[in-house]
Amino acid sequence: MNFTVENRGQIVIFTLKHEKVDNEISSQFKAQMLILCQPDIDALVIDMAHVEQIDSSGLGALLLAHRQLKENAIPIALVGVTGMVRTMLHISQTETLFDFYDTIDEACEDLEYEED
């Protein structure tokens, strides 16, 4: 799986660099979510600008991240979500679990503001 992880203070930015998030990479995606979704972070930003398709196993990785962070009220922001991915989130009725932003900077600025 091709990805990068960046930290801006206590905000973790995970950039997924795959067009398809499916069964082929979902187990690696879930493993990374378990590593990153710790109670000592302020927020998780998942950059999905490269992702054009996602299946139920990919959605499962996003839901795993949500479950890991929910009990500590740590927000997850999805960045650059495009048509098909947004449609899948809507159909699965999971889009309300996440905040959506156009850019990483916009997400980080809003999440830093929420912390103050």
PDB file of N, CA and C in Angstrom:
ATOM      1  N   MET A   1       0.850  -1.178   0.000  1.00  0.00           N
ATOM      2  CA  MET A   1       0.000   0.000   0.000  1.00  0.00           C
ATOM      3  C   MET A   1       0.891   1.235   0.000  1.00  0.00           C
ATOM      4  N   ASN A   2       0.551   2.183  -0.821  1.00  0.00           N
ATOM      5  CA  ASN A   2       1.323   3.406  -0.930  1.00  0.00           C
ATOM      6  C   ASN A   2       0.599   4.530  -0.179  1.00  0.00           C
ATOM      7  N   PHE A   3       1.275   5.115   0.814  1.00  0.00           N
ATOM      8  CA  PHE A   3       0.679   6.168   1.635  1.00  0.00           C
ATOM      9  C   PHE A   3       1.784   6.992   2.280  1.00  0.00           C
ATOM     10  N   THR A   4       1.398   8.143   2.815  1.00  0.00           N
ATOM     11  CA  THR A   4       2.305   8.942   3.627  1.00  0.00           C
ATOM     12  C   THR A   4       1.584   9.318   4.914  1.00  0.00           C
ATOM     13  N   VAL A   5       2.366   9.576   5.945  1.00  0.00           N
ATOM     14  CA  VAL A   5       1.831  10.048   7.220  1.00  0.00           C
ATOM     15  C   VAL A   5       2.610  11.297   7.600  1.00  0.00           C
ATOM     16  N   GLU A   6       1.888  12.333   7.970  1.00  0.00           N
ATOM     17  CA  GLU A   6       2.490  13.602   8.381  1.00  0.00           C
ATOM     18  C   GLU A   6       1.821  14.025   9.685  1.00  0.00           C
ATOM     19  N   ASN A   7       2.563  14.689  10.520  1.00  0.00           N
ATOM     20  CA  ASN A   7       1.995  15.228  11.761  1.00  0.00           C
ATOM     21  C   ASN A   7       2.080  16.735  11.736  1.00  0.00           C
ATOM     22  N   ARG A   8       0.977  17.368  12.052  1.00  0.00           N
ATOM     23  CA  ARG A   8       0.948  18.813  12.268  1.00  0.00           C
ATOM     24  C   ARG A   8       0.497  18.994  13.711  1.00  0.00           C
ATOM     25  N   GLY A   9       1.489  19.097  14.582  1.00  0.00           N
ATOM     26  CA  GLY A   9       1.176  19.093  16.003  1.00  0.00           C
ATOM     27  C   GLY A   9       0.599  17.742  16.358  1.00  0.00           C
ATOM     28  N   GLN A  10      -0.577  17.744  16.943  1.00  0.00           N
ATOM     29  CA  GLN A  10      -1.237  16.489  17.327  1.00  0.00           C
ATOM     30  C   GLN A  10      -2.269  16.035  16.296  1.00  0.00           C
ATOM     31  N   ILE A  11      -2.269  16.675  15.122  1.00  0.00           N
ATOM     32  CA  ILE A  11      -3.155  16.241  14.039  1.00  0.00           C
ATOM     33  C   ILE A  11      -2.347  15.328  13.125  1.00  0.00           C
ATOM     34  N   VAL A  12      -2.874  14.126  12.883  1.00  0.00           N
ATOM     35  CA  VAL A  12      -2.219  13.151  12.011  1.00  0.00           C
ATOM     36  C   VAL A  12      -2.871  13.221  10.639  1.00  0.00           C
ATOM     37  N   ILE A  13      -2.034  13.346   9.600  1.00  0.00           N
ATOM     38  CA  ILE A  13      -2.529  13.405   8.222  1.00  0.00           C
ATOM     39  C   ILE A  13      -2.074  12.137   7.502  1.00  0.00           C
ATOM     40  N   PHE A  14      -3.028  11.347   7.084  1.00  0.00           N
ATOM     41  CA  PHE A  14      -2.773  10.096   6.372  1.00  0.00           C
ATOM     42  C   PHE A  14      -3.208  10.293   4.927  1.00  0.00           C
ATOM     43  N   THR A  15      -2.261  10.221   3.991  1.00  0.00           N
ATOM     44  CA  THR A  15      -2.570  10.389   2.574  1.00  0.00           C
ATOM     45  C   THR A  15      -2.488   9.031   1.891  1.00  0.00           C
ATOM     46  N   LEU A  16      -3.608   8.599   1.375  1.00  0.00           N
ATOM     47  CA  LEU A  16      -3.709   7.321   0.693  1.00  0.00           C
ATOM     48  C   LEU A  16      -3.461   7.551  -0.792  1.00  0.00           C
ATOM     49  N   LYS A  17      -2.514   6.842  -1.361  1.00  0.00           N
ATOM     50  CA  LYS A  17      -2.120   7.077  -2.751  1.00  0.00           C
ATOM     51  C   LYS A  17      -2.481   5.895  -3.645  1.00  0.00           C
ATOM     52  N   HIS A  18      -3.761   5.550  -3.621  1.00  0.00           N
ATOM     53  CA  HIS A  18      -4.284   4.468  -4.461  1.00  0.00           C
ATOM     54  C   HIS A  18      -5.572   4.940  -5.115  1.00  0.00           C
ATOM     55  N   GLU A  19      -5.786   4.555  -6.370  1.00  0.00           N
ATOM     56  CA  GLU A  19      -7.044   4.882  -7.038  1.00  0.00           C
ATOM     57  C   GLU A  19      -8.187   4.023  -6.515  1.00  0.00           C
ATOM     58  N   LYS A  20      -7.868   2.770  -6.179  1.00  0.00           N
ATOM     59  CA  LYS A  20      -8.892   1.849  -5.682  1.00  0.00           C
ATOM     60  C   LYS A  20      -8.549   1.426  -4.260  1.00  0.00           C
ATOM     61  N   VAL A  21      -9.514   1.566  -3.381  1.00  0.00           N
ATOM     62  CA  VAL A  21      -9.368   1.052  -2.021  1.00  0.00           C
ATOM     63  C   VAL A  21     -10.337  -0.119  -1.933  1.00  0.00           C
ATOM     64  N   ASP A  22      -9.753  -1.293  -2.085  1.00  0.00           N
ATOM     65  CA  ASP A  22     -10.578  -2.498  -2.146  1.00  0.00           C
ATOM     66  C   ASP A  22      -9.949  -3.606  -1.314  1.00  0.00           C
ATOM     67  N   ASN A  23     -10.442  -4.792  -1.510  1.00  0.00           N
ATOM     68  CA  ASN A  23      -9.987  -5.959  -0.753  1.00  0.00           C
ATOM     69  C   ASN A  23      -8.472  -6.148  -0.811  1.00  0.00           C
ATOM     70  N   GLU A  24      -7.874  -5.742  -1.913  1.00  0.00           N
ATOM     71  CA  GLU A  24      -6.442  -5.924  -2.108  1.00  0.00           C
ATOM     72  C   GLU A  24      -5.592  -5.151  -1.092  1.00  0.00           C
ATOM     73  N   ILE A  25      -6.031  -3.962  -0.711  1.00  0.00           N
ATOM     74  CA  ILE A  25      -5.227  -3.151   0.222  1.00  0.00           C
ATOM     75  C   ILE A  25      -5.926  -2.865   1.551  1.00  0.00           C
ATOM     76  N   SER A  26      -7.182  -3.276   1.688  1.00  0.00           N
ATOM     77  CA  SER A  26      -7.938  -2.886   2.887  1.00  0.00           C
ATOM     78  C   SER A  26      -7.337  -3.411   4.184  1.00  0.00           C
ATOM     79  N   SER A  27      -6.737  -4.602   4.167  1.00  0.00           N
ATOM     80  CA  SER A  27      -6.154  -5.111   5.420  1.00  0.00           C
ATOM     81  C   SER A  27      -4.964  -4.254   5.847  1.00  0.00           C
ATOM     82  N   GLN A  28      -4.176  -3.776   4.896  1.00  0.00           N
ATOM     83  CA  GLN A  28      -3.062  -2.879   5.210  1.00  0.00           C
ATOM     84  C   GLN A  28      -3.588  -1.520   5.672  1.00  0.00           C
ATOM     85  N   PHE A  29      -4.663  -1.057   5.038  1.00  0.00           N
ATOM     86  CA  PHE A  29      -5.295   0.204   5.421  1.00  0.00           C
ATOM     87  C   PHE A  29      -5.801   0.102   6.863  1.00  0.00           C
ATOM     88  N   LYS A  30      -6.473  -1.005   7.199  1.00  0.00           N
ATOM     89  CA  LYS A  30      -6.971  -1.202   8.561  1.00  0.00           C
ATOM     90  C   LYS A  30      -5.821  -1.249   9.564  1.00  0.00           C
ATOM     91  N   ALA A  31      -4.746  -1.923   9.201  1.00  0.00           N
ATOM     92  CA  ALA A  31      -3.589  -2.004  10.098  1.00  0.00           C
ATOM     93  C   ALA A  31      -3.019  -0.616  10.378  1.00  0.00           C
ATOM     94  N   GLN A  32      -2.934   0.225   9.359  1.00  0.00           N
ATOM     95  CA  GLN A  32      -2.437   1.591   9.556  1.00  0.00           C
ATOM     96  C   GLN A  32      -3.387   2.397  10.426  1.00  0.00           C
ATOM     97  N   MET A  33      -4.694   2.199  10.264  1.00  0.00           N
ATOM     98  CA  MET A  33      -5.664   2.919  11.089  1.00  0.00           C
ATOM     99  C   MET A  33      -5.499   2.524  12.563  1.00  0.00           C
ATOM    100  N   LEU A  34      -5.263   1.248  12.818  1.00  0.00           N
ATOM    101  CA  LEU A  34      -5.051   0.809  14.206  1.00  0.00           C
ATOM    102  C   LEU A  34      -3.796   1.448  14.806  1.00  0.00           C
ATOM    103  N   ILE A  35      -2.772   1.593  14.000  1.00  0.00           N
ATOM    104  CA  ILE A  35      -1.527   2.214  14.469  1.00  0.00           C
ATOM    105  C   ILE A  35      -1.732   3.703  14.747  1.00  0.00           C
ATOM    106  N   LEU A  36      -2.424   4.394  13.838  1.00  0.00           N
ATOM    107  CA  LEU A  36      -2.547   5.852  13.934  1.00  0.00           C
ATOM    108  C   LEU A  36      -3.632   6.316  14.893  1.00  0.00           C
ATOM    109  N   CYS A  37      -4.683   5.557  15.058  1.00  0.00           N
ATOM    110  CA  CYS A  37      -5.845   5.994  15.837  1.00  0.00           C
ATOM    111  C   CYS A  37      -5.622   5.754  17.328  1.00  0.00           C
ATOM    112  N   GLN A  38      -4.806   6.588  17.908  1.00  0.00           N
ATOM    113  CA  GLN A  38      -4.464   6.491  19.320  1.00  0.00           C
ATOM    114  C   GLN A  38      -5.109   7.643  20.092  1.00  0.00           C
ATOM    115  N   PRO A  39      -5.366   7.465  21.370  1.00  0.00           N
ATOM    116  CA  PRO A  39      -6.054   8.500  22.142  1.00  0.00           C
ATOM    117  C   PRO A  39      -5.229   9.770  22.380  1.00  0.00           C
ATOM    118  N   ASP A  40      -3.956   9.775  22.012  1.00  0.00           N
ATOM    119  CA  ASP A  40      -3.139  10.972  22.241  1.00  0.00           C
ATOM    120  C   ASP A  40      -3.114  11.921  21.047  1.00  0.00           C
ATOM    121  N   ILE A  41      -3.886  11.652  19.981  1.00  0.00           N
ATOM    122  CA  ILE A  41      -3.945  12.583  18.865  1.00  0.00           C
ATOM    123  C   ILE A  41      -5.161  13.487  19.027  1.00  0.00           C
ATOM    124  N   ASP A  42      -5.114  14.662  18.382  1.00  0.00           N
ATOM    125  CA  ASP A  42      -6.246  15.585  18.442  1.00  0.00           C
ATOM    126  C   ASP A  42      -7.243  15.350  17.314  1.00  0.00           C
ATOM    127  N   ALA A  43      -6.750  14.849  16.181  1.00  0.00           N
ATOM    128  CA  ALA A  43      -7.616  14.604  15.031  1.00  0.00           C
ATOM    129  C   ALA A  43      -6.872  13.744  14.019  1.00  0.00           C
ATOM    130  N   LEU A  44      -7.653  13.093  13.152  1.00  0.00           N
ATOM    131  CA  LEU A  44      -7.104  12.318  12.048  1.00  0.00           C
ATOM    132  C   LEU A  44      -7.660  12.900  10.762  1.00  0.00           C
ATOM    133  N   VAL A  45      -6.763  13.262   9.846  1.00  0.00           N
ATOM    134  CA  VAL A  45      -7.152  13.746   8.525  1.00  0.00           C
ATOM    135  C   VAL A  45      -6.752  12.659   7.534  1.00  0.00           C
ATOM    136  N   ILE A  46      -7.716  12.187   6.766  1.00  0.00           N
ATOM    137  CA  ILE A  46      -7.435  11.175   5.741  1.00  0.00           C
ATOM    138  C   ILE A  46      -7.611  11.839   4.380  1.00  0.00           C
ATOM    139  N   ASP A  47      -6.493  11.992   3.673  1.00  0.00           N
ATOM    140  CA  ASP A  47      -6.504  12.600   2.346  1.00  0.00           C
ATOM    141  C   ASP A  47      -6.838  11.516   1.326  1.00  0.00           C
ATOM    142  N   MET A  48      -8.001  11.666   0.689  1.00  0.00           N
ATOM    143  CA  MET A  48      -8.476  10.668  -0.266  1.00  0.00           C
ATOM    144  C   MET A  48      -8.538  11.234  -1.684  1.00  0.00           C
ATOM    145  N   ALA A  49      -7.764  12.263  -1.952  1.00  0.00           N
ATOM    146  CA  ALA A  49      -7.804  12.917  -3.266  1.00  0.00           C
ATOM    147  C   ALA A  49      -7.406  11.976  -4.397  1.00  0.00           C
ATOM    148  N   HIS A  50      -6.582  10.982  -4.114  1.00  0.00           N
ATOM    149  CA  HIS A  50      -6.153  10.033  -5.148  1.00  0.00           C
ATOM    150  C   HIS A  50      -7.146   8.889  -5.348  1.00  0.00           C
ATOM    151  N   VAL A  51      -8.070   8.724  -4.406  1.00  0.00           N
ATOM    152  CA  VAL A  51      -8.984   7.578  -4.413  1.00  0.00           C
ATOM    153  C   VAL A  51     -10.182   7.864  -5.312  1.00  0.00           C
ATOM    154  N   GLU A  52     -10.372   6.976  -6.299  1.00  0.00           N
ATOM    155  CA  GLU A  52     -11.504   7.114  -7.210  1.00  0.00           C
ATOM    156  C   GLU A  52     -12.599   6.098  -6.929  1.00  0.00           C
ATOM    157  N   GLN A  53     -12.220   4.960  -6.307  1.00  0.00           N
ATOM    158  CA  GLN A  53     -13.194   3.919  -5.990  1.00  0.00           C
ATOM    159  C   GLN A  53     -12.894   3.343  -4.616  1.00  0.00           C
ATOM    160  N   ILE A  54     -13.973   2.984  -3.930  1.00  0.00           N
ATOM    161  CA  ILE A  54     -13.826   2.329  -2.632  1.00  0.00           C
ATOM    162  C   ILE A  54     -14.911   1.262  -2.537  1.00  0.00           C
ATOM    163  N   ASP A  55     -14.563   0.111  -1.967  1.00  0.00           N
ATOM    164  CA  ASP A  55     -15.566  -0.931  -1.784  1.00  0.00           C
ATOM    165  C   ASP A  55     -15.868  -1.082  -0.292  1.00  0.00           C
ATOM    166  N   SER A  56     -16.656  -2.096   0.035  1.00  0.00           N
ATOM    167  CA  SER A  56     -17.080  -2.256   1.426  1.00  0.00           C
ATOM    168  C   SER A  56     -15.908  -2.540   2.360  1.00  0.00           C
ATOM    169  N   SER A  57     -14.867  -3.201   1.880  1.00  0.00           N
ATOM    170  CA  SER A  57     -13.714  -3.446   2.748  1.00  0.00           C
ATOM    171  C   SER A  57     -12.961  -2.147   3.026  1.00  0.00           C
ATOM    172  N   GLY A  58     -12.903  -1.261   2.049  1.00  0.00           N
ATOM    173  CA  GLY A  58     -12.297   0.058   2.258  1.00  0.00           C
ATOM    174  C   GLY A  58     -13.119   0.897   3.226  1.00  0.00           C
ATOM    175  N   LEU A  59     -14.443   0.825   3.073  1.00  0.00           N
ATOM    176  CA  LEU A  59     -15.321   1.520   4.023  1.00  0.00           C
ATOM    177  C   LEU A  59     -15.132   0.956   5.426  1.00  0.00           C
ATOM    178  N   GLY A  60     -14.882  -0.342   5.504  1.00  0.00           N
ATOM    179  CA  GLY A  60     -14.639  -0.972   6.798  1.00  0.00           C
ATOM    180  C   GLY A  60     -13.424  -0.387   7.499  1.00  0.00           C
ATOM    181  N   ALA A  61     -12.393  -0.042   6.737  1.00  0.00           N
ATOM    182  CA  ALA A  61     -11.200   0.572   7.326  1.00  0.00           C
ATOM    183  C   ALA A  61     -11.529   1.956   7.882  1.00  0.00           C
ATOM    184  N   LEU A  62     -12.350   2.718   7.162  1.00  0.00           N
ATOM    185  CA  LEU A  62     -12.767   4.037   7.657  1.00  0.00           C
ATOM    186  C   LEU A  62     -13.614   3.889   8.925  1.00  0.00           C
ATOM    187  N   LEU A  63     -14.487   2.894   8.936  1.00  0.00           N
ATOM    188  CA  LEU A  63     -15.323   2.664  10.124  1.00  0.00           C
ATOM    189  C   LEU A  63     -14.496   2.199  11.315  1.00  0.00           C
ATOM    190  N   LEU A  64     -13.466   1.428  11.057  1.00  0.00           N
ATOM    191  CA  LEU A  64     -12.560   1.021  12.128  1.00  0.00           C
ATOM    192  C   LEU A  64     -11.904   2.248  12.762  1.00  0.00           C
ATOM    193  N   ALA A  65     -11.434   3.164  11.931  1.00  0.00           N
ATOM    194  CA  ALA A  65     -10.831   4.402  12.443  1.00  0.00           C
ATOM    195  C   ALA A  65     -11.852   5.167  13.282  1.00  0.00           C
ATOM    196  N   HIS A  66     -13.071   5.255  12.783  1.00  0.00           N
ATOM    197  CA  HIS A  66     -14.130   5.962  13.521  1.00  0.00           C
ATOM    198  C   HIS A  66     -14.368   5.317  14.894  1.00  0.00           C
ATOM    199  N   ARG A  67     -14.477   3.998  14.919  1.00  0.00           N
ATOM    200  CA  ARG A  67     -14.708   3.300  16.201  1.00  0.00           C
ATOM    201  C   ARG A  67     -13.547   3.509  17.165  1.00  0.00           C
ATOM    202  N   GLN A  68     -12.322   3.486  16.654  1.00  0.00           N
ATOM    203  CA  GLN A  68     -11.146   3.651  17.500  1.00  0.00           C
ATOM    204  C   GLN A  68     -11.111   5.033  18.162  1.00  0.00           C
ATOM    205  N   LEU A  69     -11.546   6.050  17.440  1.00  0.00           N
ATOM    206  CA  LEU A  69     -11.420   7.427  17.938  1.00  0.00           C
ATOM    207  C   LEU A  69     -12.692   7.960  18.598  1.00  0.00           C
ATOM    208  N   LYS A  70     -13.817   7.326  18.339  1.00  0.00           N
ATOM    209  CA  LYS A  70     -15.112   7.809  18.819  1.00  0.00           C
ATOM    210  C   LYS A  70     -15.171   7.960  20.334  1.00  0.00           C
ATOM    211  N   GLU A  71     -14.686   6.981  21.070  1.00  0.00           N
ATOM    212  CA  GLU A  71     -14.831   7.034  22.528  1.00  0.00           C
ATOM    213  C   GLU A  71     -14.048   8.179  23.157  1.00  0.00           C
ATOM    214  N   ASN A  72     -13.039   8.693  22.451  1.00  0.00           N
ATOM    215  CA  ASN A  72     -12.286   9.847  22.937  1.00  0.00           C
ATOM    216  C   ASN A  72     -12.697  11.137  22.238  1.00  0.00           C
ATOM    217  N   ALA A  73     -13.783  11.081  21.486  1.00  0.00           N
ATOM    218  CA  ALA A  73     -14.334  12.234  20.762  1.00  0.00           C
ATOM    219  C   ALA A  73     -13.288  12.910  19.871  1.00  0.00           C
ATOM    220  N   ILE A  74     -12.477  12.105  19.217  1.00  0.00           N
ATOM    221  CA  ILE A  74     -11.446  12.614  18.308  1.00  0.00           C
ATOM    222  C   ILE A  74     -12.027  12.612  16.901  1.00  0.00           C
ATOM    223  N   PRO A  75     -12.059  13.773  16.238  1.00  0.00           N
ATOM    224  CA  PRO A  75     -12.680  13.848  14.912  1.00  0.00           C
ATOM    225  C   PRO A  75     -11.816  13.251  13.802  1.00  0.00           C
ATOM    226  N   ILE A  76     -12.514  12.790  12.762  1.00  0.00           N
ATOM    227  CA  ILE A  76     -11.870  12.322  11.538  1.00  0.00           C
ATOM    228  C   ILE A  76     -12.366  13.199  10.402  1.00  0.00           C
ATOM    229  N   ALA A  77     -11.428  13.771   9.666  1.00  0.00           N
ATOM    230  CA  ALA A  77     -11.757  14.591   8.514  1.00  0.00           C
ATOM    231  C   ALA A  77     -11.318  13.864   7.250  1.00  0.00           C
ATOM    232  N   LEU A  78     -12.198  13.826   6.264  1.00  0.00           N
ATOM    233  CA  LEU A  78     -11.864  13.260   4.972  1.00  0.00           C
ATOM    234  C   LEU A  78     -11.654  14.403   3.993  1.00  0.00           C
ATOM    235  N   VAL A  79     -10.544  14.350   3.267  1.00  0.00           N
ATOM    236  CA  VAL A  79     -10.165  15.429   2.350  1.00  0.00           C
ATOM    237  C   VAL A  79     -10.176  14.907   0.919  1.00  0.00           C
ATOM    238  N   GLY A  80     -10.682  15.746   0.012  1.00  0.00           N
ATOM    239  CA  GLY A  80     -10.614  15.433  -1.411  1.00  0.00           C
ATOM    240  C   GLY A  80     -11.477  14.272  -1.844  1.00  0.00           C
ATOM    241  N   VAL A  81     -12.570  14.034  -1.155  1.00  0.00           N
ATOM    242  CA  VAL A  81     -13.450  12.923  -1.504  1.00  0.00           C
ATOM    243  C   VAL A  81     -14.186  13.265  -2.799  1.00  0.00           C
ATOM    244  N   THR A  82     -14.069  12.364  -3.774  1.00  0.00           N
ATOM    245  CA  THR A  82     -14.670  12.607  -5.091  1.00  0.00           C
ATOM    246  C   THR A  82     -15.935  11.784  -5.280  1.00  0.00           C
ATOM    247  N   GLY A  83     -16.564  11.950  -6.418  1.00  0.00           N
ATOM    248  CA  GLY A  83     -17.868  11.412  -6.761  1.00  0.00           C
ATOM    249  C   GLY A  83     -18.200  10.015  -6.289  1.00  0.00           C
ATOM    250  N   MET A  84     -17.515   9.009  -6.813  1.00  0.00           N
ATOM    251  CA  MET A  84     -17.851   7.621  -6.507  1.00  0.00           C
ATOM    252  C   MET A  84     -17.640   7.298  -5.031  1.00  0.00           C
ATOM    253  N   VAL A  85     -16.589   7.813  -4.457  1.00  0.00           N
ATOM    254  CA  VAL A  85     -16.319   7.566  -3.039  1.00  0.00           C
ATOM    255  C   VAL A  85     -17.406   8.217  -2.187  1.00  0.00           C
ATOM    256  N   ARG A  86     -17.762   9.438  -2.510  1.00  0.00           N
ATOM    257  CA  ARG A  86     -18.821  10.147  -1.766  1.00  0.00           C
ATOM    258  C   ARG A  86     -20.146   9.402  -1.894  1.00  0.00           C
ATOM    259  N   THR A  87     -20.414   8.886  -3.092  1.00  0.00           N
ATOM    260  CA  THR A  87     -21.637   8.123  -3.320  1.00  0.00           C
ATOM    261  C   THR A  87     -21.665   6.871  -2.446  1.00  0.00           C
ATOM    262  N   MET A  88     -20.547   6.170  -2.367  1.00  0.00           N
ATOM    263  CA  MET A  88     -20.482   4.967  -1.527  1.00  0.00           C
ATOM    264  C   MET A  88     -20.695   5.309  -0.043  1.00  0.00           C
ATOM    265  N   LEU A  89     -20.119   6.419   0.406  1.00  0.00           N
ATOM    266  CA  LEU A  89     -20.321   6.844   1.790  1.00  0.00           C
ATOM    267  C   LEU A  89     -21.791   7.180   2.035  1.00  0.00           C
ATOM    268  N   HIS A  90     -22.430   7.786   1.042  1.00  0.00           N
ATOM    269  CA  HIS A  90     -23.846   8.139   1.169  1.00  0.00           C
ATOM    270  C   HIS A  90     -24.719   6.882   1.185  1.00  0.00           C
ATOM    271  N   ILE A  91     -24.470   5.973   0.239  1.00  0.00           N
ATOM    272  CA  ILE A  91     -25.262   4.742   0.147  1.00  0.00           C
ATOM    273  C   ILE A  91     -25.134   3.918   1.422  1.00  0.00           C
ATOM    274  N   SER A  92     -23.932   3.871   1.977  1.00  0.00           N
ATOM    275  CA  SER A  92     -23.704   3.078   3.191  1.00  0.00           C
ATOM    276  C   SER A  92     -24.143   3.813   4.460  1.00  0.00           C
ATOM    277  N   GLN A  93     -24.639   5.028   4.288  1.00  0.00           N
ATOM    278  CA  GLN A  93     -25.115   5.857   5.392  1.00  0.00           C
ATOM    279  C   GLN A  93     -24.030   6.099   6.437  1.00  0.00           C
ATOM    280  N   THR A  94     -22.795   6.267   5.966  1.00  0.00           N
ATOM    281  CA  THR A  94     -21.676   6.529   6.877  1.00  0.00           C
ATOM    282  C   THR A  94     -21.118   7.940   6.727  1.00  0.00           C
ATOM    283  N   GLU A  95     -21.616   8.716   5.758  1.00  0.00           N
ATOM    284  CA  GLU A  95     -21.037  10.030   5.527  1.00  0.00           C
ATOM    285  C   GLU A  95     -21.211  10.982   6.710  1.00  0.00           C
ATOM    286  N   THR A  96     -22.204  10.750   7.544  1.00  0.00           N
ATOM    287  CA  THR A  96     -22.421  11.640   8.690  1.00  0.00           C
ATOM    288  C   THR A  96     -21.387  11.423   9.797  1.00  0.00           C
ATOM    289  N   LEU A  97     -20.609  10.357   9.705  1.00  0.00           N
ATOM    290  CA  LEU A  97     -19.598  10.064  10.727  1.00  0.00           C
ATOM    291  C   LEU A  97     -18.324  10.897  10.552  1.00  0.00           C
ATOM    292  N   PHE A  98     -18.193  11.547   9.406  1.00  0.00           N
ATOM    293  CA  PHE A  98     -16.949  12.236   9.063  1.00  0.00           C
ATOM    294  C   PHE A  98     -17.215  13.688   8.682  1.00  0.00           C
ATOM    295  N   ASP A  99     -16.182  14.513   8.845  1.00  0.00           N
ATOM    296  CA  ASP A  99     -16.216  15.882   8.344  1.00  0.00           C
ATOM    297  C   ASP A  99     -15.506  15.876   6.998  1.00  0.00           C
ATOM    298  N   PHE A 100     -15.983  16.673   6.056  1.00  0.00           N
ATOM    299  CA  PHE A 100     -15.418  16.705   4.710  1.00  0.00           C
ATOM    300  C   PHE A 100     -14.807  18.065   4.410  1.00  0.00           C
ATOM    301  N   TYR A 101     -13.633  18.042   3.782  1.00  0.00           N
ATOM    302  CA  TYR A 101     -12.922  19.265   3.412  1.00  0.00           C
ATOM    303  C   TYR A 101     -12.328  19.102   2.025  1.00  0.00           C
ATOM    304  N   ASP A 102     -12.098  20.232   1.379  1.00  0.00           N
ATOM    305  CA  ASP A 102     -11.492  20.215   0.048  1.00  0.00           C
ATOM    306  C   ASP A 102      -9.979  20.060   0.109  1.00  0.00           C
ATOM    307  N   THR A 103      -9.345  20.654   1.135  1.00  0.00           N
ATOM    308  CA  THR A 103      -7.886  20.617   1.226  1.00  0.00           C
ATOM    309  C   THR A 103      -7.446  20.224   2.630  1.00  0.00           C
ATOM    310  N   ILE A 104      -6.219  19.743   2.715  1.00  0.00           N
ATOM    311  CA  ILE A 104      -5.629  19.399   4.010  1.00  0.00           C
ATOM    312  C   ILE A 104      -5.499  20.642   4.881  1.00  0.00           C
ATOM    313  N   ASP A 105      -5.049  21.736   4.294  1.00  0.00           N
ATOM    314  CA  ASP A 105      -4.887  22.975   5.061  1.00  0.00           C
ATOM    315  C   ASP A 105      -6.214  23.440   5.659  1.00  0.00           C
ATOM    316  N   GLU A 106      -7.273  23.358   4.877  1.00  0.00           N
ATOM    317  CA  GLU A 106      -8.604  23.751   5.354  1.00  0.00           C
ATOM    318  C   GLU A 106      -9.030  22.864   6.528  1.00  0.00           C
ATOM    319  N   ALA A 107      -8.811  21.573   6.396  1.00  0.00           N
ATOM    320  CA  ALA A 107      -9.177  20.646   7.472  1.00  0.00           C
ATOM    321  C   ALA A 107      -8.378  20.940   8.740  1.00  0.00           C
ATOM    322  N   CYS A 108      -7.070  21.091   8.589  1.00  0.00           N
ATOM    323  CA  CYS A 108      -6.214  21.337   9.764  1.00  0.00           C
ATOM    324  C   CYS A 108      -6.562  22.652  10.435  1.00  0.00           C
ATOM    325  N   GLU A 109      -6.819  23.674   9.637  1.00  0.00           N
ATOM    326  CA  GLU A 109      -7.174  24.980  10.207  1.00  0.00           C
ATOM    327  C   GLU A 109      -8.459  24.872  11.015  1.00  0.00           C
ATOM    328  N   ASP A 110      -9.460  24.196  10.478  1.00  0.00           N
ATOM    329  CA  ASP A 110     -10.732  24.047  11.173  1.00  0.00           C
ATOM    330  C   ASP A 110     -10.578  23.182  12.423  1.00  0.00           C
ATOM    331  N   LEU A 111      -9.809  22.103  12.322  1.00  0.00           N
ATOM    332  CA  LEU A 111      -9.624  21.212  13.468  1.00  0.00           C
ATOM    333  C   LEU A 111      -8.801  21.875  14.563  1.00  0.00           C
ATOM    334  N   GLU A 112      -7.806  22.676  14.193  1.00  0.00           N
ATOM    335  CA  GLU A 112      -7.039  23.418  15.205  1.00  0.00           C
ATOM    336  C   GLU A 112      -7.925  24.436  15.900  1.00  0.00           C
ATOM    337  N   TYR A 113      -8.826  25.070  15.152  1.00  0.00           N
ATOM    338  CA  TYR A 113      -9.740  26.048  15.715  1.00  0.00           C
ATOM    339  C   TYR A 113     -10.668  25.376  16.730  1.00  0.00           C
ATOM    340  N   GLU A 114     -11.141  24.164  16.414  1.00  0.00           N
ATOM    341  CA  GLU A 114     -12.024  23.432  17.320  1.00  0.00           C
ATOM    342  C   GLU A 114     -11.348  23.122  18.651  1.00  0.00           C
ATOM    343  N   GLU A 115     -10.025  22.934  18.625  1.00  0.00           N
ATOM    344  CA  GLU A 115      -9.287  22.593  19.850  1.00  0.00           C
ATOM    345  C   GLU A 115      -9.172  23.770  20.803  1.00  0.00           C
ATOM    346  N   ASP A 116      -9.213  24.986  20.269  1.00  0.00           N
ATOM    347  CA  ASP A 116      -9.050  26.186  21.116  1.00  0.00           C
ATOM    348  C   ASP A 116     -10.254  26.475  21.975  1.00  0.00           C
TER     349      ASP A 116
END
